[in-house]
Amino acid sequence: MKKQRVRVKPTGKQRRAAKAAEAVEQKGLSRRNLLLKLRNYSLAAAVLGGGAYIAVAKVQDAMAEVDLSRIGDGIPTVVQIHDPQCS
């Protein structure tokens, strides 16, 4: 005769843990998925932050180039302007 397994009923704590694990699995929030999302969002934030930093730097450079009040630092100065499109 084959030996039969005795089925042990889980305790209340084990049942609650199993239900919580099922709920997490249904939502797709496993630890691995959470870490992957965290990595992806961190990389996206770094890329967007770097792009914004570069854009701000370019705008500041353009504004500094157009600012003619910096020429001469308050001393009267003669400026010769050349327009390559004017014949």
PDB file of N, CA and C in Angstrom:
ATOM      1  N   MET A   1       0.833  -1.164   0.000  1.00  0.00           N
ATOM      2  CA  MET A   1       0.000   0.000   0.000  1.00  0.00           C
ATOM      3  C   MET A   1       0.895   1.250   0.000  1.00  0.00           C
ATOM      4  N   LYS A   2       0.500   2.220  -0.808  1.00  0.00           N
ATOM      5  CA  LYS A   2       1.271   3.443  -0.950  1.00  0.00           C
ATOM      6  C   LYS A   2       1.026   4.361   0.232  1.00  0.00           C
ATOM      7  N   LYS A   3       2.117   4.979   0.693  1.00  0.00           N
ATOM      8  CA  LYS A   3       2.017   5.895   1.821  1.00  0.00           C
ATOM      9  C   LYS A   3       1.408   7.213   1.351  1.00  0.00           C
ATOM     10  N   GLN A   4       0.384   7.661   2.022  1.00  0.00           N
ATOM     11  CA  GLN A   4      -0.287   8.901   1.639  1.00  0.00           C
ATOM     12  C   GLN A   4       0.275  10.057   2.449  1.00  0.00           C
ATOM     13  N   ARG A   5       0.332  11.184   1.775  1.00  0.00           N
ATOM     14  CA  ARG A   5       0.810  12.383   2.456  1.00  0.00           C
ATOM     15  C   ARG A   5      -0.277  12.925   3.364  1.00  0.00           C
ATOM     16  N   VAL A   6       0.164  13.451   4.466  1.00  0.00           N
ATOM     17  CA  VAL A   6      -0.763  14.086   5.384  1.00  0.00           C
ATOM     18  C   VAL A   6      -0.779  15.565   5.043  1.00  0.00           C
ATOM     19  N   ARG A   7      -1.946  16.062   4.752  1.00  0.00           N
ATOM     20  CA  ARG A   7      -2.072  17.477   4.412  1.00  0.00           C
ATOM     21  C   ARG A   7      -2.203  18.294   5.687  1.00  0.00           C
ATOM     22  N   VAL A   8      -1.269  19.238   5.842  1.00  0.00           N
ATOM     23  CA  VAL A   8      -1.269  20.089   7.023  1.00  0.00           C
ATOM     24  C   VAL A   8      -1.962  21.395   6.656  1.00  0.00           C
ATOM     25  N   LYS A   9      -2.905  21.792   7.450  1.00  0.00           N
ATOM     26  CA  LYS A   9      -3.603  23.037   7.190  1.00  0.00           C
ATOM     27  C   LYS A   9      -2.692  24.204   7.543  1.00  0.00           C
ATOM     28  N   PRO A  10      -2.648  25.211   6.670  1.00  0.00           N
ATOM     29  CA  PRO A  10      -1.805  26.367   6.975  1.00  0.00           C
ATOM     30  C   PRO A  10      -2.382  27.179   8.139  1.00  0.00           C
ATOM     31  N   THR A  11      -1.490  27.820   8.852  1.00  0.00           N
ATOM     32  CA  THR A  11      -1.929  28.660   9.973  1.00  0.00           C
ATOM     33  C   THR A  11      -2.517  29.951   9.426  1.00  0.00           C
ATOM     34  N   GLY A  12      -3.080  30.735  10.293  1.00  0.00           N
ATOM     35  CA  GLY A  12      -3.683  31.998   9.887  1.00  0.00           C
ATOM     36  C   GLY A  12      -2.661  32.946   9.276  1.00  0.00           C
ATOM     37  N   LYS A  13      -1.466  32.978   9.854  1.00  0.00           N
ATOM     38  CA  LYS A  13      -0.417  33.856   9.356  1.00  0.00           C
ATOM     39  C   LYS A  13       0.012  33.429   7.948  1.00  0.00           C
ATOM     40  N   GLN A  14       0.112  32.130   7.720  1.00  0.00           N
ATOM     41  CA  GLN A  14       0.507  31.621   6.406  1.00  0.00           C
ATOM     42  C   GLN A  14      -0.572  31.896   5.370  1.00  0.00           C
ATOM     43  N   ARG A  15      -1.843  31.784   5.768  1.00  0.00           N
ATOM     44  CA  ARG A  15      -2.935  32.078   4.831  1.00  0.00           C
ATOM     45  C   ARG A  15      -2.942  33.551   4.434  1.00  0.00           C
ATOM     46  N   ARG A  16      -2.728  34.430   5.418  1.00  0.00           N
ATOM     47  CA  ARG A  16      -2.703  35.866   5.114  1.00  0.00           C
ATOM     48  C   ARG A  16      -1.530  36.200   4.197  1.00  0.00           C
ATOM     49  N   ALA A  17      -0.381  35.578   4.442  1.00  0.00           N
ATOM     50  CA  ALA A  17       0.788  35.821   3.598  1.00  0.00           C
ATOM     51  C   ALA A  17       0.536  35.333   2.177  1.00  0.00           C
ATOM     52  N   ALA A  18      -0.127  34.187   2.046  1.00  0.00           N
ATOM     53  CA  ALA A  18      -0.426  33.648   0.718  1.00  0.00           C
ATOM     54  C   ALA A  18      -1.412  34.555  -0.027  1.00  0.00           C
ATOM     55  N   LYS A  19      -2.412  35.074   0.691  1.00  0.00           N
ATOM     56  CA  LYS A  19      -3.380  35.980   0.060  1.00  0.00           C
ATOM     57  C   LYS A  19      -2.705  37.270  -0.383  1.00  0.00           C
ATOM     58  N   ALA A  20      -1.813  37.791   0.461  1.00  0.00           N
ATOM     59  CA  ALA A  20      -1.098  39.022   0.104  1.00  0.00           C
ATOM     60  C   ALA A  20      -0.212  38.786  -1.114  1.00  0.00           C
ATOM     61  N   ALA A  21       0.442  37.629  -1.165  1.00  0.00           N
ATOM     62  CA  ALA A  21       1.299  37.311  -2.311  1.00  0.00           C
ATOM     63  C   ALA A  21       0.465  37.192  -3.584  1.00  0.00           C
ATOM     64  N   GLU A  22      -0.730  36.597  -3.492  1.00  0.00           N
ATOM     65  CA  GLU A  22      -1.599  36.487  -4.654  1.00  0.00           C
ATOM     66  C   GLU A  22      -2.056  37.862  -5.130  1.00  0.00           C
ATOM     67  N   ALA A  23      -2.378  38.747  -4.187  1.00  0.00           N
ATOM     68  CA  ALA A  23      -2.828  40.089  -4.554  1.00  0.00           C
ATOM     69  C   ALA A  23      -1.706  40.847  -5.264  1.00  0.00           C
ATOM     70  N   VAL A  24      -0.486  40.698  -4.771  1.00  0.00           N
ATOM     71  CA  VAL A  24       0.647  41.374  -5.398  1.00  0.00           C
ATOM     72  C   VAL A  24       0.890  40.807  -6.786  1.00  0.00           C
ATOM     73  N   GLU A  25       0.795  39.498  -6.941  1.00  0.00           N
ATOM     74  CA  GLU A  25       1.004  38.867  -8.243  1.00  0.00           C
ATOM     75  C   GLU A  25      -0.062  39.313  -9.237  1.00  0.00           C
ATOM     76  N   GLN A  26      -1.295  39.494  -8.776  1.00  0.00           N
ATOM     77  CA  GLN A  26      -2.361  39.912  -9.666  1.00  0.00           C
ATOM     78  C   GLN A  26      -2.126  41.336 -10.156  1.00  0.00           C
ATOM     79  N   LYS A  27      -1.578  42.190  -9.304  1.00  0.00           N
ATOM     80  CA  LYS A  27      -1.318  43.574  -9.684  1.00  0.00           C
ATOM     81  C   LYS A  27      -0.026  43.706 -10.479  1.00  0.00           C
ATOM     82  N   GLY A  28       0.825  42.688 -10.483  1.00  0.00           N
ATOM     83  CA  GLY A  28       2.083  42.749 -11.211  1.00  0.00           C
ATOM     84  C   GLY A  28       3.148  43.525 -10.461  1.00  0.00           C
ATOM     85  N   LEU A  29       3.062  43.604  -9.156  1.00  0.00           N
ATOM     86  CA  LEU A  29       4.016  44.372  -8.370  1.00  0.00           C
ATOM     87  C   LEU A  29       4.967  43.445  -7.622  1.00  0.00           C
ATOM     88  N   SER A  30       5.652  42.608  -8.346  1.00  0.00           N
ATOM     89  CA  SER A  30       6.640  41.769  -7.683  1.00  0.00           C
ATOM     90  C   SER A  30       7.881  42.620  -7.406  1.00  0.00           C
ATOM     91  N   ARG A  31       8.762  42.111  -6.614  1.00  0.00           N
ATOM     92  CA  ARG A  31       9.973  42.853  -6.271  1.00  0.00           C
ATOM     93  C   ARG A  31      10.792  43.128  -7.526  1.00  0.00           C
ATOM     94  N   ARG A  32      10.876  42.132  -8.392  1.00  0.00           N
ATOM     95  CA  ARG A  32      11.645  42.296  -9.626  1.00  0.00           C
ATOM     96  C   ARG A  32      11.044  43.395 -10.494  1.00  0.00           C
ATOM     97  N   ASN A  33       9.731  43.391 -10.653  1.00  0.00           N
ATOM     98  CA  ASN A  33       9.079  44.423 -11.465  1.00  0.00           C
ATOM     99  C   ASN A  33       9.257  45.803 -10.848  1.00  0.00           C
ATOM    100  N   LEU A  34       9.179  45.873  -9.539  1.00  0.00           N
ATOM    101  CA  LEU A  34       9.356  47.155  -8.861  1.00  0.00           C
ATOM    102  C   LEU A  34      10.765  47.693  -9.076  1.00  0.00           C
ATOM    103  N   LEU A  35      11.774  46.836  -8.968  1.00  0.00           N
ATOM    104  CA  LEU A  35      13.154  47.266  -9.184  1.00  0.00           C
ATOM    105  C   LEU A  35      13.393  47.669 -10.635  1.00  0.00           C
ATOM    106  N   LEU A  36      12.781  46.956 -11.575  1.00  0.00           N
ATOM    107  CA  LEU A  36      12.916  47.330 -12.984  1.00  0.00           C
ATOM    108  C   LEU A  36      12.288  48.696 -13.258  1.00  0.00           C
ATOM    109  N   LYS A  37      11.110  48.924 -12.695  1.00  0.00           N
ATOM    110  CA  LYS A  37      10.463  50.225 -12.875  1.00  0.00           C
ATOM    111  C   LYS A  37      11.288  51.337 -12.243  1.00  0.00           C
ATOM    112  N   LEU A  38      11.832  51.079 -11.070  1.00  0.00           N
ATOM    113  CA  LEU A  38      12.665  52.070 -10.394  1.00  0.00           C
ATOM    114  C   LEU A  38      13.887  52.405 -11.244  1.00  0.00           C
ATOM    115  N   ARG A  39      14.531  51.390 -11.828  1.00  0.00           N
ATOM    116  CA  ARG A  39      15.688  51.618 -12.692  1.00  0.00           C
ATOM    117  C   ARG A  39      15.305  52.433 -13.920  1.00  0.00           C
ATOM    118  N   ASN A  40      14.201  52.058 -14.561  1.00  0.00           N
ATOM    119  CA  ASN A  40      13.788  52.748 -15.777  1.00  0.00           C
ATOM    120  C   ASN A  40      13.423  54.207 -15.505  1.00  0.00           C
ATOM    121  N   TYR A  41      12.696  54.455 -14.430  1.00  0.00           N
ATOM    122  CA  TYR A  41      12.325  55.833 -14.103  1.00  0.00           C
ATOM    123  C   TYR A  41      13.545  56.655 -13.708  1.00  0.00           C
ATOM    124  N   SER A  42      14.511  56.036 -13.035  1.00  0.00           N
ATOM    125  CA  SER A  42      15.732  56.754 -12.666  1.00  0.00           C
ATOM    126  C   SER A  42      16.522  57.151 -13.911  1.00  0.00           C
ATOM    127  N   LEU A  43      16.642  56.235 -14.854  1.00  0.00           N
ATOM    128  CA  LEU A  43      17.354  56.556 -16.100  1.00  0.00           C
ATOM    129  C   LEU A  43      16.631  57.646 -16.879  1.00  0.00           C
ATOM    130  N   ALA A  44      15.307  57.566 -16.925  1.00  0.00           N
ATOM    131  CA  ALA A  44      14.531  58.583 -17.642  1.00  0.00           C
ATOM    132  C   ALA A  44      14.712  59.953 -16.992  1.00  0.00           C
ATOM    133  N   ALA A  45      14.701  59.991 -15.670  1.00  0.00           N
ATOM    134  CA  ALA A  45      14.889  61.264 -14.964  1.00  0.00           C
ATOM    135  C   ALA A  45      16.276  61.830 -15.231  1.00  0.00           C
ATOM    136  N   ALA A  46      17.288  60.968 -15.265  1.00  0.00           N
ATOM    137  CA  ALA A  46      18.648  61.431 -15.528  1.00  0.00           C
ATOM    138  C   ALA A  46      18.777  61.981 -16.946  1.00  0.00           C
ATOM    139  N   VAL A  47      18.182  61.303 -17.906  1.00  0.00           N
ATOM    140  CA  VAL A  47      18.259  61.756 -19.299  1.00  0.00           C
ATOM    141  C   VAL A  47      17.518  63.079 -19.470  1.00  0.00           C
ATOM    142  N   LEU A  48      16.325  63.171 -18.911  1.00  0.00           N
ATOM    143  CA  LEU A  48      15.554  64.413 -19.037  1.00  0.00           C
ATOM    144  C   LEU A  48      16.232  65.560 -18.294  1.00  0.00           C
ATOM    145  N   GLY A  49      16.784  65.262 -17.138  1.00  0.00           N
ATOM    146  CA  GLY A  49      17.495  66.294 -16.380  1.00  0.00           C
ATOM    147  C   GLY A  49      18.720  66.795 -17.124  1.00  0.00           C
ATOM    148  N   GLY A  50      19.462  65.872 -17.738  1.00  0.00           N
ATOM    149  CA  GLY A  50      20.637  66.263 -18.525  1.00  0.00           C
ATOM    150  C   GLY A  50      20.249  67.095 -19.731  1.00  0.00           C
ATOM    151  N   GLY A  51      19.165  66.708 -20.395  1.00  0.00           N
ATOM    152  CA  GLY A  51      18.691  67.479 -21.540  1.00  0.00           C
ATOM    153  C   GLY A  51      18.258  68.878 -21.148  1.00  0.00           C
ATOM    154  N   ALA A  52      17.572  68.983 -20.032  1.00  0.00           N
ATOM    155  CA  ALA A  52      17.135  70.301 -19.552  1.00  0.00           C
ATOM    156  C   ALA A  52      18.341  71.157 -19.186  1.00  0.00           C
ATOM    157  N   TYR A  53      19.354  70.551 -18.574  1.00  0.00           N
ATOM    158  CA  TYR A  53      20.563  71.296 -18.189  1.00  0.00           C
ATOM    159  C   TYR A  53      21.263  71.851 -19.426  1.00  0.00           C
ATOM    160  N   ILE A  54      21.369  71.022 -20.465  1.00  0.00           N
ATOM    161  CA  ILE A  54      22.019  71.463 -21.703  1.00  0.00           C
ATOM    162  C   ILE A  54      21.212  72.571 -22.363  1.00  0.00           C
ATOM    163  N   ALA A  55      19.883  72.440 -22.381  1.00  0.00           N
ATOM    164  CA  ALA A  55      19.034  73.455 -23.000  1.00  0.00           C
ATOM    165  C   ALA A  55      19.156  74.789 -22.273  1.00  0.00           C
ATOM    166  N   VAL A  56      19.181  74.739 -20.946  1.00  0.00           N
ATOM    167  CA  VAL A  56      19.309  75.976 -20.167  1.00  0.00           C
ATOM    168  C   VAL A  56      20.668  76.620 -20.417  1.00  0.00           C
ATOM    169  N   ALA A  57      21.704  75.807 -20.494  1.00  0.00           N
ATOM    170  CA  ALA A  57      23.042  76.343 -20.739  1.00  0.00           C
ATOM    171  C   ALA A  57      23.115  77.024 -22.100  1.00  0.00           C
ATOM    172  N   LYS A  58      22.479  76.434 -23.117  1.00  0.00           N
ATOM    173  CA  LYS A  58      22.489  77.037 -24.453  1.00  0.00           C
ATOM    174  C   LYS A  58      21.740  78.373 -24.460  1.00  0.00           C
ATOM    175  N   VAL A  59      20.617  78.435 -23.767  1.00  0.00           N
ATOM    176  CA  VAL A  59      19.847  79.676 -23.704  1.00  0.00           C
ATOM    177  C   VAL A  59      20.641  80.757 -22.985  1.00  0.00           C
ATOM    178  N   GLN A  60      21.309  80.393 -21.889  1.00  0.00           N
ATOM    179  CA  GLN A  60      22.112  81.375 -21.156  1.00  0.00           C
ATOM    180  C   GLN A  60      23.271  81.876 -22.009  1.00  0.00           C
ATOM    181  N   ASP A  61      23.905  80.980 -22.782  1.00  0.00           N
ATOM    182  CA  ASP A  61      24.990  81.396 -23.659  1.00  0.00           C
ATOM    183  C   ASP A  61      24.490  82.359 -24.728  1.00  0.00           C
ATOM    184  N   ALA A  62      23.326  82.068 -25.308  1.00  0.00           N
ATOM    185  CA  ALA A  62      22.763  82.935 -26.342  1.00  0.00           C
ATOM    186  C   ALA A  62      22.407  84.303 -25.775  1.00  0.00           C
ATOM    187  N   MET A  63      21.867  84.326 -24.574  1.00  0.00           N
ATOM    188  CA  MET A  63      21.511  85.606 -23.952  1.00  0.00           C
ATOM    189  C   MET A  63      22.756  86.419 -23.636  1.00  0.00           C
ATOM    190  N   ALA A  64      23.823  85.778 -23.201  1.00  0.00           N
ATOM    191  CA  ALA A  64      25.061  86.487 -22.893  1.00  0.00           C
ATOM    192  C   ALA A  64      25.702  87.034 -24.166  1.00  0.00           C
ATOM    193  N   GLU A  65      25.538  86.330 -25.281  1.00  0.00           N
ATOM    194  CA  GLU A  65      26.117  86.772 -26.543  1.00  0.00           C
ATOM    195  C   GLU A  65      25.393  88.011 -27.073  1.00  0.00           C
ATOM    196  N   VAL A  66      24.104  88.113 -26.830  1.00  0.00           N
ATOM    197  CA  VAL A  66      23.304  89.227 -27.336  1.00  0.00           C
ATOM    198  C   VAL A  66      23.412  90.462 -26.434  1.00  0.00           C
ATOM    199  N   ASP A  67      23.813  90.286 -25.213  1.00  0.00           N
ATOM    200  CA  ASP A  67      23.875  91.386 -24.237  1.00  0.00           C
ATOM    201  C   ASP A  67      25.026  92.329 -24.588  1.00  0.00           C
ATOM    202  N   LEU A  68      24.700  93.469 -25.193  1.00  0.00           N
ATOM    203  CA  LEU A  68      25.726  94.429 -25.600  1.00  0.00           C
ATOM    204  C   LEU A  68      26.149  95.366 -24.478  1.00  0.00           C
ATOM    205  N   SER A  69      25.475  95.329 -23.350  1.00  0.00           N
ATOM    206  CA  SER A  69      25.863  96.206 -22.239  1.00  0.00           C
ATOM    207  C   SER A  69      27.177  95.749 -21.606  1.00  0.00           C
ATOM    208  N   ARG A  70      27.607  94.561 -21.905  1.00  0.00           N
ATOM    209  CA  ARG A  70      28.860  94.047 -21.331  1.00  0.00           C
ATOM    210  C   ARG A  70      30.084  94.575 -22.069  1.00  0.00           C
ATOM    211  N   ILE A  71      29.876  95.106 -23.268  1.00  0.00           N
ATOM    212  CA  ILE A  71      31.008  95.602 -24.058  1.00  0.00           C
ATOM    213  C   ILE A  71      31.551  96.863 -23.405  1.00  0.00           C
ATOM    214  N   GLY A  72      32.813  96.868 -23.080  1.00  0.00           N
ATOM    215  CA  GLY A  72      33.471  98.047 -22.537  1.00  0.00           C
ATOM    216  C   GLY A  72      33.313  98.233 -21.050  1.00  0.00           C
ATOM    217  N   ASP A  73      32.429  97.528 -20.401  1.00  0.00           N
ATOM    218  CA  ASP A  73      32.204  97.641 -18.949  1.00  0.00           C
ATOM    219  C   ASP A  73      32.002  99.082 -18.498  1.00  0.00           C
ATOM    220  N   GLY A  74      31.169  99.845 -19.197  1.00  0.00           N
ATOM    221  CA  GLY A  74      30.840 101.201 -18.790  1.00  0.00           C
ATOM    222  C   GLY A  74      31.733 102.265 -19.406  1.00  0.00           C
ATOM    223  N   ILE A  75      32.814 101.888 -20.047  1.00  0.00           N
ATOM    224  CA  ILE A  75      33.719 102.835 -20.705  1.00  0.00           C
ATOM    225  C   ILE A  75      33.221 103.007 -22.143  1.00  0.00           C
ATOM    226  N   PRO A  76      33.125 104.236 -22.625  1.00  0.00           N
ATOM    227  CA  PRO A  76      32.684 104.425 -24.005  1.00  0.00           C
ATOM    228  C   PRO A  76      33.575 103.640 -24.973  1.00  0.00           C
ATOM    229  N   THR A  77      32.932 102.873 -25.855  1.00  0.00           N
ATOM    230  CA  THR A  77      33.666 101.970 -26.739  1.00  0.00           C
ATOM    231  C   THR A  77      33.083 102.052 -28.143  1.00  0.00           C
ATOM    232  N   VAL A  78      33.946 101.979 -29.156  1.00  0.00           N
ATOM    233  CA  VAL A  78      33.507 101.959 -30.550  1.00  0.00           C
ATOM    234  C   VAL A  78      33.396 100.491 -30.965  1.00  0.00           C
ATOM    235  N   VAL A  79      32.242 100.139 -31.574  1.00  0.00           N
ATOM    236  CA  VAL A  79      32.013  98.761 -32.003  1.00  0.00           C
ATOM    237  C   VAL A  79      31.728  98.770 -33.499  1.00  0.00           C
ATOM    238  N   GLN A  80      32.472  97.966 -34.243  1.00  0.00           N
ATOM    239  CA  GLN A  80      32.234  97.837 -35.673  1.00  0.00           C
ATOM    240  C   GLN A  80      31.487  96.530 -35.889  1.00  0.00           C
ATOM    241  N   ILE A  81      30.327  96.640 -36.553  1.00  0.00           N
ATOM    242  CA  ILE A  81      29.488  95.460 -36.782  1.00  0.00           C
ATOM    243  C   ILE A  81      29.536  95.112 -38.255  1.00  0.00           C
ATOM    244  N   HIS A  82      29.721  93.833 -38.552  1.00  0.00           N
ATOM    245  CA  HIS A  82      29.785  93.364 -39.934  1.00  0.00           C
ATOM    246  C   HIS A  82      28.650  92.400 -40.162  1.00  0.00           C
ATOM    247  N   ASP A  83      27.841  92.651 -41.206  1.00  0.00           N
ATOM    248  CA  ASP A  83      26.760  91.749 -41.558  1.00  0.00           C
ATOM    249  C   ASP A  83      27.139  91.038 -42.843  1.00  0.00           C
ATOM    250  N   PRO A  84      27.369  89.729 -42.816  1.00  0.00           N
ATOM    251  CA  PRO A  84      27.810  89.027 -44.026  1.00  0.00           C
ATOM    252  C   PRO A  84      26.731  88.969 -45.111  1.00  0.00           C
ATOM    253  N   GLN A  85      25.483  89.234 -44.812  1.00  0.00           N
ATOM    254  CA  GLN A  85      24.427  89.177 -45.808  1.00  0.00           C
ATOM    255  C   GLN A  85      24.217  90.530 -46.513  1.00  0.00           C
ATOM    256  N   CYS A  86      24.870  91.563 -46.023  1.00  0.00           N
ATOM    257  CA  CYS A  86      24.733  92.899 -46.631  1.00  0.00           C
ATOM    258  C   CYS A  86      25.839  93.056 -47.663  1.00  0.00           C
ATOM    259  N   SER A  87      25.468  93.474 -48.886  1.00  0.00           N
ATOM    260  CA  SER A  87      26.482  93.581 -49.944  1.00  0.00           C
ATOM    261  C   SER A  87      27.237  94.903 -49.882  1.00  0.00           C
TER     262      SER A  87
END
